[in-house]
Each structure stands twice: as C-alpha cells, then as structure tokens.
C-alpha cells in the first residue's frame, strides 16, 4: 500500500473514532432520555400530581426543556454551521416533534389521553431549553 492509501485509512479511522465519540457523548444522552420519556408515558396516569393549577403543564415544560437542551448540545456537536438561531430552531422542533409523538403514544395507553395543551407545554419547554443551552454552552 502506498503512503496515500495509509493516509486515507488513518483519516477514516480518526473520523470513525470521532463520530463514535460524538455519538456516545452527545447523541446517546438524547436517545436515552427519549427512552425514559417513552417508558414513563407507557405507565397508566397517576392522579397524585402536585396540587396547584396546571402543575402537569409545568412538568411537561420542564421535561421537554431538558430534551431541547440535549438536542441543542447534540446538534452543536455535529458542527452545523448555519448559525445559532437555526440550532435553536432545529433543537426546539426536534424536541417538540418528539413531544407530539409522545402524545400520540399516550393516546394508546389505558387511562392516558393526548392533549394539545400538553403539546403546547412540551413545545414551550423545548424552545426554552434550547435557548438556555445556547446561553450556558456558548458563554464566551
């Protein structure tokens, strides 16, 4: 093998290693957290939520804020060079779409229902989490 072939093979190994590291550090947390949300949504609803009005919406927003944060972090690690605003939009949309799919999933779970209000809370939390991620991760 020539020198050029070894350089290509070395570059493929390095980029493969970098992709694996990026996946494990940035995308695996997104996937695992989506799994946690899915599993939690698979259980029948409990009626023992905190006793203030719309507490469940606050819980939805908080849960999806974390997902929006994780998506932002993962998208930023993939080096999308389209600007911070698009990173926030991509992150918020990805997290929100997962929220929609989760509401659809819940409609098939006994004693659970799908709710537009929950989707709105998920969406608000998703975008809030992406914005917070931008401020925390890009402090310079």
C-alpha atoms as a PDB file:
ATOM      1  CA  UNK A   1       0.000   0.000   0.000  1.00  0.00           C
ATOM      2  CA  UNK A   2       1.165   3.440  -0.838  1.00  0.00           C
ATOM      3  CA  UNK A   3       1.585   6.359   1.526  1.00  0.00           C
ATOM      4  CA  UNK A   4      -1.617   7.990   0.233  1.00  0.00           C
ATOM      5  CA  UNK A   5      -3.659   4.836   0.957  1.00  0.00           C
ATOM      6  CA  UNK A   6      -2.367   4.744   4.553  1.00  0.00           C
ATOM      7  CA  UNK A   7      -3.286   8.406   4.994  1.00  0.00           C
ATOM      8  CA  UNK A   8      -6.842   7.726   3.811  1.00  0.00           C
ATOM      9  CA  UNK A   9      -7.153   4.692   6.115  1.00  0.00           C
ATOM     10  CA  UNK A  10      -5.801   6.691   9.069  1.00  0.00           C
ATOM     11  CA  UNK A  11      -8.211   9.545   8.310  1.00  0.00           C
ATOM     12  CA  UNK A  12     -11.140   7.097   8.125  1.00  0.00           C
ATOM     13  CA  UNK A  13     -10.100   5.596  11.486  1.00  0.00           C
ATOM     14  CA  UNK A  14      -9.824   9.007  13.118  1.00  0.00           C
ATOM     15  CA  UNK A  15     -13.102  10.246  11.713  1.00  0.00           C
ATOM     16  CA  UNK A  16     -14.780   6.978  12.700  1.00  0.00           C
ATOM     17  CA  UNK A  17     -13.417   7.362  16.221  1.00  0.00           C
ATOM     18  CA  UNK A  18     -14.573  10.987  16.325  1.00  0.00           C
ATOM     19  CA  UNK A  19     -18.041  10.024  15.103  1.00  0.00           C
ATOM     20  CA  UNK A  20     -18.284   7.318  17.753  1.00  0.00           C
ATOM     21  CA  UNK A  21     -17.186   9.739  20.454  1.00  0.00           C
ATOM     22  CA  UNK A  22     -19.675  12.357  19.232  1.00  0.00           C
ATOM     23  CA  UNK A  23     -22.449   9.779  19.207  1.00  0.00           C
ATOM     24  CA  UNK A  24     -21.686   8.491  22.703  1.00  0.00           C
ATOM     25  CA  UNK A  25     -21.176  11.894  24.314  1.00  0.00           C
ATOM     26  CA  UNK A  26     -23.884  13.892  22.540  1.00  0.00           C
ATOM     27  CA  UNK A  27     -26.492  11.743  20.788  1.00  0.00           C
ATOM     28  CA  UNK A  28     -26.708   8.810  23.193  1.00  0.00           C
ATOM     29  CA  UNK A  29     -27.994  11.072  26.015  1.00  0.00           C
ATOM     30  CA  UNK A  30     -30.742  12.315  23.667  1.00  0.00           C
ATOM     31  CA  UNK A  31     -31.736   8.755  22.770  1.00  0.00           C
ATOM     32  CA  UNK A  32     -31.640   7.546  26.377  1.00  0.00           C
ATOM     33  CA  UNK A  33     -33.712  10.499  27.617  1.00  0.00           C
ATOM     34  CA  UNK A  34     -36.267   9.911  24.841  1.00  0.00           C
ATOM     35  CA  UNK A  35     -36.414   6.311  26.056  1.00  0.00           C
ATOM     36  CA  UNK A  36     -37.041   7.491  29.622  1.00  0.00           C
ATOM     37  CA  UNK A  37     -39.888   9.714  28.406  1.00  0.00           C
ATOM     38  CA  UNK A  38     -41.352   6.855  26.362  1.00  0.00           C
ATOM     39  CA  UNK A  39     -41.208   4.404  29.264  1.00  0.00           C
ATOM     40  CA  UNK A  40     -42.712   6.914  31.689  1.00  0.00           C
ATOM     41  CA  UNK A  41     -45.508   7.615  29.213  1.00  0.00           C
ATOM     42  CA  UNK A  42     -46.247   3.913  28.929  1.00  0.00           C
ATOM     43  CA  UNK A  43     -47.488   3.693  32.505  1.00  0.00           C
ATOM     44  CA  UNK A  44     -51.090   4.487  33.371  1.00  0.00           C
ATOM     45  CA  UNK A  45     -51.651   8.015  34.597  1.00  0.00           C
ATOM     46  CA  UNK A  46     -51.344   8.768  38.275  1.00  0.00           C
ATOM     47  CA  UNK A  47     -53.645  11.303  39.847  1.00  0.00           C
ATOM     48  CA  UNK A  48     -51.234  12.304  42.627  1.00  0.00           C
ATOM     49  CA  UNK A  49     -49.737  15.355  40.929  1.00  0.00           C
ATOM     50  CA  UNK A  50     -48.875  18.458  42.941  1.00  0.00           C
ATOM     51  CA  UNK A  51     -51.985  20.312  43.986  1.00  0.00           C
ATOM     52  CA  UNK A  52     -51.681  23.575  42.106  1.00  0.00           C
ATOM     53  CA  UNK A  53     -53.352  24.552  38.864  1.00  0.00           C
ATOM     54  CA  UNK A  54     -51.597  23.323  35.708  1.00  0.00           C
ATOM     55  CA  UNK A  55     -48.787  21.582  37.598  1.00  0.00           C
ATOM     56  CA  UNK A  56     -48.736  18.899  34.911  1.00  0.00           C
ATOM     57  CA  UNK A  57     -48.013  21.539  32.241  1.00  0.00           C
ATOM     58  CA  UNK A  58     -45.041  22.765  34.256  1.00  0.00           C
ATOM     59  CA  UNK A  59     -43.776  19.182  34.493  1.00  0.00           C
ATOM     60  CA  UNK A  60     -44.196  18.762  30.713  1.00  0.00           C
ATOM     61  CA  UNK A  61     -42.354  22.031  30.031  1.00  0.00           C
ATOM     62  CA  UNK A  62     -39.505  21.071  32.371  1.00  0.00           C
ATOM     63  CA  UNK A  63     -39.116  17.606  30.899  1.00  0.00           C
ATOM     64  CA  UNK A  64     -39.026  18.938  27.343  1.00  0.00           C
ATOM     65  CA  UNK A  65     -36.736  21.832  28.307  1.00  0.00           C
ATOM     66  CA  UNK A  66     -34.169  19.187  29.205  1.00  0.00           C
ATOM     67  CA  UNK A  67     -34.775  17.422  25.884  1.00  0.00           C
ATOM     68  CA  UNK A  68     -34.438  20.727  23.982  1.00  0.00           C
ATOM     69  CA  UNK A  69     -31.171  21.350  25.858  1.00  0.00           C
ATOM     70  CA  UNK A  70     -29.860  17.894  24.944  1.00  0.00           C
ATOM     71  CA  UNK A  71     -30.853  18.302  21.279  1.00  0.00           C
ATOM     72  CA  UNK A  72     -29.119  21.695  21.105  1.00  0.00           C
ATOM     73  CA  UNK A  73     -25.972  20.205  22.618  1.00  0.00           C
ATOM     74  CA  UNK A  74     -26.024  17.299  20.150  1.00  0.00           C
ATOM     75  CA  UNK A  75     -26.739  19.459  17.093  1.00  0.00           C
ATOM     76  CA  UNK A  76     -23.985  21.869  18.121  1.00  0.00           C
ATOM     77  CA  UNK A  77     -21.528  18.969  18.396  1.00  0.00           C
ATOM     78  CA  UNK A  78     -22.289  17.984  14.791  1.00  0.00           C
ATOM     79  CA  UNK A  79     -20.910  21.372  13.769  1.00  0.00           C
ATOM     80  CA  UNK A  80     -23.948  22.641  11.887  1.00  0.00           C
ATOM     81  CA  UNK A  81     -22.595  25.940  10.595  1.00  0.00           C
ATOM     82  CA  UNK A  82     -25.930  27.587   9.859  1.00  0.00           C
ATOM     83  CA  UNK A  83     -25.954  29.874  12.879  1.00  0.00           C
ATOM     84  CA  UNK A  84     -27.182  29.832  16.417  1.00  0.00           C
ATOM     85  CA  UNK A  85     -30.781  30.713  15.531  1.00  0.00           C
ATOM     86  CA  UNK A  86     -31.099  27.665  13.290  1.00  0.00           C
ATOM     87  CA  UNK A  87     -29.571  25.470  16.001  1.00  0.00           C
ATOM     88  CA  UNK A  88     -32.237  26.710  18.403  1.00  0.00           C
ATOM     89  CA  UNK A  89     -34.979  26.146  15.811  1.00  0.00           C
ATOM     90  CA  UNK A  90     -33.730  22.638  14.917  1.00  0.00           C
ATOM     91  CA  UNK A  91     -33.420  21.719  18.591  1.00  0.00           C
ATOM     92  CA  UNK A  92     -36.824  23.107  19.542  1.00  0.00           C
ATOM     93  CA  UNK A  93     -38.527  21.462  16.575  1.00  0.00           C
ATOM     94  CA  UNK A  94     -36.895  18.070  17.127  1.00  0.00           C
ATOM     95  CA  UNK A  95     -37.842  18.094  20.790  1.00  0.00           C
ATOM     96  CA  UNK A  96     -41.363  19.348  20.032  1.00  0.00           C
ATOM     97  CA  UNK A  97     -41.909  16.666  17.399  1.00  0.00           C
ATOM     98  CA  UNK A  98     -40.913  14.058  19.930  1.00  0.00           C
ATOM     99  CA  UNK A  99     -43.486  15.618  22.264  1.00  0.00           C
ATOM    100  CA  UNK A 100     -46.160  15.233  19.585  1.00  0.00           C
ATOM    101  CA  UNK A 101     -45.178  11.595  19.041  1.00  0.00           C
ATOM    102  CA  UNK A 102     -45.303  11.054  22.806  1.00  0.00           C
ATOM    103  CA  UNK A 103     -48.835  12.457  22.997  1.00  0.00           C
ATOM    104  CA  UNK A 104     -49.890  10.137  20.168  1.00  0.00           C
ATOM    105  CA  UNK A 105     -48.269   7.248  22.038  1.00  0.00           C
ATOM    106  CA  UNK A 106     -50.136   8.212  25.229  1.00  0.00           C
ATOM    107  CA  UNK A 107     -53.460   8.074  23.390  1.00  0.00           C
ATOM    108  CA  UNK A 108     -52.969   4.290  23.174  1.00  0.00           C
ATOM    109  CA  UNK A 109     -52.106   3.861  26.869  1.00  0.00           C
ATOM    110  CA  UNK A 110     -55.017   2.985  29.178  1.00  0.00           C
ATOM    111  CA  UNK A 111     -56.096   5.911  31.411  1.00  0.00           C
ATOM    112  CA  UNK A 112     -53.979   8.366  29.410  1.00  0.00           C
ATOM    113  CA  UNK A 113     -55.109  10.857  26.813  1.00  0.00           C
ATOM    114  CA  UNK A 114     -53.435  13.011  24.202  1.00  0.00           C
ATOM    115  CA  UNK A 115     -53.675  16.721  24.869  1.00  0.00           C
ATOM    116  CA  UNK A 116     -52.997  19.781  22.730  1.00  0.00           C
ATOM    117  CA  UNK A 117     -52.241  21.701  25.947  1.00  0.00           C
ATOM    118  CA  UNK A 118     -49.519  19.150  26.759  1.00  0.00           C
ATOM    119  CA  UNK A 119     -48.060  19.569  23.251  1.00  0.00           C
ATOM    120  CA  UNK A 120     -48.003  23.347  23.755  1.00  0.00           C
ATOM    121  CA  UNK A 121     -46.250  22.919  27.117  1.00  0.00           C
ATOM    122  CA  UNK A 122     -43.777  20.480  25.523  1.00  0.00           C
ATOM    123  CA  UNK A 123     -43.094  22.954  22.710  1.00  0.00           C
ATOM    124  CA  UNK A 124     -42.602  25.910  25.055  1.00  0.00           C
ATOM    125  CA  UNK A 125     -40.230  23.854  27.185  1.00  0.00           C
ATOM    126  CA  UNK A 126     -38.367  22.572  24.119  1.00  0.00           C
ATOM    127  CA  UNK A 127     -37.568  26.035  22.819  1.00  0.00           C
ATOM    128  CA  UNK A 128     -36.797  27.359  26.299  1.00  0.00           C
ATOM    129  CA  UNK A 129     -34.338  24.508  26.840  1.00  0.00           C
ATOM    130  CA  UNK A 130     -32.631  25.209  23.506  1.00  0.00           C
ATOM    131  CA  UNK A 131     -32.280  28.912  24.327  1.00  0.00           C
ATOM    132  CA  UNK A 132     -30.920  28.152  27.794  1.00  0.00           C
ATOM    133  CA  UNK A 133     -28.466  25.675  26.253  1.00  0.00           C
ATOM    134  CA  UNK A 134     -27.231  28.359  23.889  1.00  0.00           C
ATOM    135  CA  UNK A 135     -26.519  30.711  26.783  1.00  0.00           C
ATOM    136  CA  UNK A 136     -24.919  28.079  29.015  1.00  0.00           C
ATOM    137  CA  UNK A 137     -22.859  26.267  26.379  1.00  0.00           C
ATOM    138  CA  UNK A 138     -21.709  29.355  24.487  1.00  0.00           C
ATOM    139  CA  UNK A 139     -20.579  31.630  27.316  1.00  0.00           C
ATOM    140  CA  UNK A 140     -17.570  33.443  25.899  1.00  0.00           C
END
